[in-house]
Amino acid sequence: MKPIEMIAWFSLERVPNPVRYKLDDKVIKVEQVTSKSDEKLAGNRMIIFRCQSDMNGELRPFELKYELGTCRWLLFKMKGRRILTWYRRG
C-alpha cells in the first residue's frame, strides 16, 4: 500500500468518488470505477474502489482504498509491472 494525493468529489451522503491521483510526480486520471465495497481492517473502516485508467493506450486495473477515520487515500493494487516502470521513467 502506498499513500497517494487524491482529487475526489463527495456526494451529499459523504461518499467519496475518486477523480485523479498523483503517483511519483505523475497525475493519473481515474477513467472508470468498476466496483465499490466496504472493508473493516483492524478496526479501520475503508471503502475499496476497483478502478481502471488508460496507461499507454491500454486500460489497466488498480485498487484504491479510502480510510474513513483518517480521510487518507492509498494505492493498494496495480496490475502489470510495465505500469510501475512507466511511472518511474516519467
N, C-alpha and C. Protein backbone atom coordinates (compact mmCIF):
# COMPACT_ATOMS: atom_id res chain seq x y z
N MET A 1 0.85 -1.18 0.00
CA MET A 1 0.00 0.00 0.00
C MET A 1 0.88 1.23 0.00
N LYS A 2 0.48 2.21 -0.80
CA LYS A 2 1.24 3.44 -0.90
C LYS A 2 0.30 4.63 -0.76
N PRO A 3 0.57 5.54 0.19
CA PRO A 3 -0.27 6.74 0.31
C PRO A 3 -0.14 7.59 -0.95
N ILE A 4 -1.25 8.17 -1.40
CA ILE A 4 -1.25 9.00 -2.59
C ILE A 4 -2.03 10.28 -2.35
N GLU A 5 -1.78 11.28 -3.18
CA GLU A 5 -2.56 12.51 -3.17
C GLU A 5 -3.71 12.32 -4.15
N MET A 6 -4.92 12.62 -3.71
CA MET A 6 -6.12 12.34 -4.50
C MET A 6 -6.97 13.59 -4.66
N ILE A 7 -7.56 13.74 -5.83
CA ILE A 7 -8.63 14.71 -6.04
C ILE A 7 -9.90 13.88 -6.19
N ALA A 8 -10.88 14.18 -5.36
CA ALA A 8 -12.14 13.43 -5.35
C ALA A 8 -13.29 14.39 -5.11
N TRP A 9 -14.47 13.96 -5.50
CA TRP A 9 -15.66 14.71 -5.13
C TRP A 9 -16.49 13.84 -4.20
N PHE A 10 -17.28 14.48 -3.35
CA PHE A 10 -18.08 13.78 -2.34
C PHE A 10 -19.56 14.03 -2.59
N SER A 11 -20.35 12.98 -2.46
CA SER A 11 -21.80 13.12 -2.59
C SER A 11 -22.35 13.77 -1.32
N LEU A 12 -23.62 14.10 -1.34
CA LEU A 12 -24.25 14.69 -0.16
C LEU A 12 -24.26 13.72 1.01
N GLU A 13 -24.17 12.42 0.73
CA GLU A 13 -24.12 11.39 1.78
C GLU A 13 -22.68 11.16 2.25
N ARG A 14 -21.74 12.01 1.83
CA ARG A 14 -20.32 11.96 2.22
C ARG A 14 -19.58 10.75 1.65
N VAL A 15 -20.02 10.26 0.51
CA VAL A 15 -19.34 9.15 -0.15
C VAL A 15 -18.34 9.71 -1.15
N PRO A 16 -17.05 9.34 -1.03
CA PRO A 16 -16.05 9.87 -1.95
C PRO A 16 -16.11 9.21 -3.32
N ASN A 17 -15.72 9.95 -4.34
CA ASN A 17 -15.64 9.46 -5.71
C ASN A 17 -14.31 9.93 -6.28
N PRO A 18 -13.36 9.02 -6.52
CA PRO A 18 -12.04 9.43 -6.99
C PRO A 18 -12.08 9.98 -8.42
N VAL A 19 -11.27 11.03 -8.66
CA VAL A 19 -11.20 11.66 -9.97
C VAL A 19 -9.82 11.44 -10.59
N ARG A 20 -8.78 11.85 -9.86
CA ARG A 20 -7.40 11.61 -10.30
C ARG A 20 -6.48 11.64 -9.10
N TYR A 21 -5.29 11.02 -9.28
CA TYR A 21 -4.34 10.96 -8.19
C TYR A 21 -2.92 11.16 -8.71
N LYS A 22 -2.03 11.43 -7.77
CA LYS A 22 -0.63 11.69 -8.10
C LYS A 22 0.21 10.55 -7.56
N LEU A 23 1.05 9.99 -8.44
CA LEU A 23 1.94 8.90 -8.07
C LEU A 23 3.30 9.17 -8.71
N ASP A 24 4.32 9.32 -7.90
CA ASP A 24 5.68 9.57 -8.40
C ASP A 24 5.70 10.73 -9.39
N ASP A 25 5.11 11.86 -9.03
CA ASP A 25 5.08 13.07 -9.86
C ASP A 25 4.30 12.92 -11.16
N LYS A 26 3.50 11.88 -11.31
CA LYS A 26 2.63 11.69 -12.47
C LYS A 26 1.18 11.79 -12.00
N VAL A 27 0.35 12.46 -12.80
CA VAL A 27 -1.07 12.56 -12.48
C VAL A 27 -1.81 11.55 -13.34
N ILE A 28 -2.58 10.68 -12.68
CA ILE A 28 -3.32 9.62 -13.36
C ILE A 28 -4.81 9.86 -13.15
N LYS A 29 -5.55 9.93 -14.27
CA LYS A 29 -6.99 10.12 -14.21
C LYS A 29 -7.66 8.77 -14.00
N VAL A 30 -8.63 8.73 -13.09
CA VAL A 30 -9.43 7.52 -12.88
C VAL A 30 -10.49 7.51 -13.96
N GLU A 31 -10.33 6.63 -14.96
CA GLU A 31 -11.25 6.58 -16.09
C GLU A 31 -12.60 5.98 -15.69
N GLN A 32 -12.55 4.91 -14.87
CA GLN A 32 -13.79 4.20 -14.53
C GLN A 32 -13.65 3.51 -13.18
N VAL A 33 -14.68 3.61 -12.36
CA VAL A 33 -14.77 2.83 -11.12
C VAL A 33 -15.65 1.64 -11.46
N THR A 34 -15.05 0.44 -11.44
CA THR A 34 -15.80 -0.77 -11.83
C THR A 34 -16.59 -1.35 -10.67
N SER A 35 -16.10 -1.17 -9.43
CA SER A 35 -16.87 -1.64 -8.27
C SER A 35 -16.41 -0.90 -7.02
N LYS A 36 -17.28 -0.93 -6.02
CA LYS A 36 -17.01 -0.27 -4.74
C LYS A 36 -17.49 -1.19 -3.64
N SER A 37 -16.66 -1.38 -2.59
CA SER A 37 -17.07 -2.21 -1.46
C SER A 37 -16.52 -1.63 -0.17
N ASP A 38 -17.06 -2.09 0.95
CA ASP A 38 -16.61 -1.65 2.27
C ASP A 38 -15.78 -2.75 2.91
N GLU A 39 -14.83 -2.33 3.74
CA GLU A 39 -13.95 -3.28 4.43
C GLU A 39 -13.63 -2.71 5.81
N LYS A 40 -13.44 -3.59 6.76
CA LYS A 40 -13.02 -3.17 8.09
C LYS A 40 -11.75 -3.93 8.41
N LEU A 41 -10.64 -3.22 8.53
CA LEU A 41 -9.34 -3.83 8.76
C LEU A 41 -8.76 -3.26 10.05
N ALA A 42 -8.55 -4.11 11.04
CA ALA A 42 -8.00 -3.70 12.35
C ALA A 42 -8.81 -2.54 12.94
N GLY A 43 -10.11 -2.57 12.77
CA GLY A 43 -10.98 -1.54 13.34
C GLY A 43 -11.12 -0.31 12.47
N ASN A 44 -10.37 -0.22 11.38
CA ASN A 44 -10.46 0.94 10.48
C ASN A 44 -11.43 0.63 9.34
N ARG A 45 -12.45 1.46 9.20
CA ARG A 45 -13.38 1.30 8.09
C ARG A 45 -12.78 1.90 6.84
N MET A 46 -12.89 1.16 5.73
CA MET A 46 -12.34 1.61 4.45
C MET A 46 -13.35 1.36 3.35
N ILE A 47 -13.25 2.18 2.30
CA ILE A 47 -14.00 1.95 1.08
C ILE A 47 -12.98 1.54 0.03
N ILE A 48 -13.23 0.42 -0.63
CA ILE A 48 -12.35 -0.10 -1.67
C ILE A 48 -12.95 0.23 -3.03
N PHE A 49 -12.17 0.87 -3.88
CA PHE A 49 -12.58 1.20 -5.24
C PHE A 49 -11.74 0.37 -6.21
N ARG A 50 -12.39 -0.43 -7.04
CA ARG A 50 -11.69 -1.12 -8.12
C ARG A 50 -11.89 -0.26 -9.35
N CYS A 51 -10.78 0.17 -9.94
CA CYS A 51 -10.81 1.19 -10.99
C CYS A 51 -10.01 0.76 -12.21
N GLN A 52 -10.14 1.58 -13.27
CA GLN A 52 -9.35 1.40 -14.48
C GLN A 52 -8.90 2.76 -14.97
N SER A 53 -7.70 2.79 -15.57
CA SER A 53 -7.18 4.00 -16.19
C SER A 53 -6.47 3.65 -17.47
N ASP A 54 -6.46 4.59 -18.39
CA ASP A 54 -5.77 4.42 -19.66
C ASP A 54 -4.30 4.78 -19.46
N MET A 55 -3.43 3.78 -19.63
CA MET A 55 -1.99 3.99 -19.50
C MET A 55 -1.31 3.41 -20.72
N ASN A 56 -0.68 4.26 -21.49
CA ASN A 56 -0.01 3.84 -22.72
C ASN A 56 -0.98 3.17 -23.69
N GLY A 57 -2.20 3.66 -23.75
CA GLY A 57 -3.17 3.12 -24.69
C GLY A 57 -3.90 1.87 -24.25
N GLU A 58 -3.68 1.41 -23.03
CA GLU A 58 -4.34 0.22 -22.50
C GLU A 58 -5.08 0.56 -21.21
N LEU A 59 -6.27 -0.03 -21.03
CA LEU A 59 -6.97 0.12 -19.75
C LEU A 59 -6.34 -0.81 -18.73
N ARG A 60 -5.83 -0.26 -17.64
CA ARG A 60 -5.17 -1.05 -16.60
C ARG A 60 -5.97 -0.99 -15.31
N PRO A 61 -6.20 -2.14 -14.66
CA PRO A 61 -6.95 -2.16 -13.39
C PRO A 61 -6.05 -1.84 -12.19
N PHE A 62 -6.66 -1.25 -11.17
CA PHE A 62 -5.97 -0.99 -9.91
C PHE A 62 -7.01 -0.82 -8.81
N GLU A 63 -6.56 -0.85 -7.55
CA GLU A 63 -7.44 -0.67 -6.40
C GLU A 63 -6.99 0.53 -5.59
N LEU A 64 -7.96 1.31 -5.18
CA LEU A 64 -7.74 2.43 -4.28
C LEU A 64 -8.50 2.17 -2.99
N LYS A 65 -7.90 2.55 -1.87
CA LYS A 65 -8.58 2.43 -0.58
C LYS A 65 -8.68 3.82 0.04
N TYR A 66 -9.85 4.09 0.63
CA TYR A 66 -10.08 5.34 1.33
C TYR A 66 -10.40 5.02 2.78
N GLU A 67 -9.54 5.48 3.70
CA GLU A 67 -9.75 5.27 5.14
C GLU A 67 -10.72 6.33 5.65
N LEU A 68 -11.87 5.89 6.14
CA LEU A 68 -12.89 6.83 6.61
C LEU A 68 -12.45 7.59 7.86
N GLY A 69 -11.72 6.95 8.76
CA GLY A 69 -11.32 7.59 10.00
C GLY A 69 -10.25 8.66 9.84
N THR A 70 -9.34 8.46 8.89
CA THR A 70 -8.22 9.39 8.71
C THR A 70 -8.34 10.21 7.43
N CYS A 71 -9.32 9.91 6.58
CA CYS A 71 -9.52 10.58 5.28
C CYS A 71 -8.27 10.45 4.41
N ARG A 72 -7.65 9.28 4.45
CA ARG A 72 -6.41 9.03 3.71
C ARG A 72 -6.67 8.08 2.54
N TRP A 73 -6.05 8.36 1.39
CA TRP A 73 -6.16 7.53 0.20
C TRP A 73 -4.91 6.68 0.05
N LEU A 74 -5.10 5.43 -0.37
CA LEU A 74 -3.98 4.50 -0.56
C LEU A 74 -4.13 3.80 -1.90
N LEU A 75 -3.02 3.66 -2.62
CA LEU A 75 -2.98 2.83 -3.80
C LEU A 75 -2.64 1.44 -3.31
N PHE A 76 -3.58 0.49 -3.49
CA PHE A 76 -3.41 -0.82 -2.90
C PHE A 76 -2.87 -1.84 -3.89
N LYS A 77 -3.47 -1.95 -5.06
CA LYS A 77 -3.03 -2.93 -6.06
C LYS A 77 -2.97 -2.26 -7.41
N MET A 78 -1.93 -2.59 -8.15
CA MET A 78 -1.83 -2.15 -9.53
C MET A 78 -1.27 -3.31 -10.32
N LYS A 79 -1.98 -3.75 -11.34
CA LYS A 79 -1.56 -4.92 -12.08
C LYS A 79 -0.65 -4.53 -13.24
N GLY A 80 0.39 -5.33 -13.44
CA GLY A 80 1.30 -5.13 -14.56
C GLY A 80 2.55 -4.38 -14.15
N ARG A 81 3.70 -5.01 -14.26
CA ARG A 81 4.95 -4.35 -13.90
C ARG A 81 5.28 -3.21 -14.84
N ARG A 82 4.85 -3.31 -16.10
CA ARG A 82 5.16 -2.26 -17.05
C ARG A 82 4.61 -0.92 -16.59
N ILE A 83 3.52 -0.92 -15.86
CA ILE A 83 2.94 0.34 -15.38
C ILE A 83 3.91 1.01 -14.42
N LEU A 84 4.42 0.25 -13.47
CA LEU A 84 5.33 0.83 -12.50
C LEU A 84 6.60 1.32 -13.18
N THR A 85 7.09 0.60 -14.17
CA THR A 85 8.26 1.04 -14.92
C THR A 85 7.94 2.33 -15.66
N TRP A 86 6.75 2.40 -16.27
CA TRP A 86 6.35 3.58 -16.99
C TRP A 86 6.31 4.79 -16.06
N TYR A 87 5.80 4.63 -14.83
CA TYR A 87 5.75 5.74 -13.89
C TYR A 87 7.15 6.20 -13.52
N ARG A 88 8.06 5.28 -13.32
CA ARG A 88 9.42 5.65 -12.91
C ARG A 88 10.18 6.38 -14.02
N ARG A 89 9.94 5.98 -15.27
CA ARG A 89 10.64 6.62 -16.38
C ARG A 89 10.24 8.06 -16.56
N GLY A 90 8.97 8.35 -16.26
CA GLY A 90 8.47 9.70 -16.35
C GLY A 90 8.33 10.14 -17.76
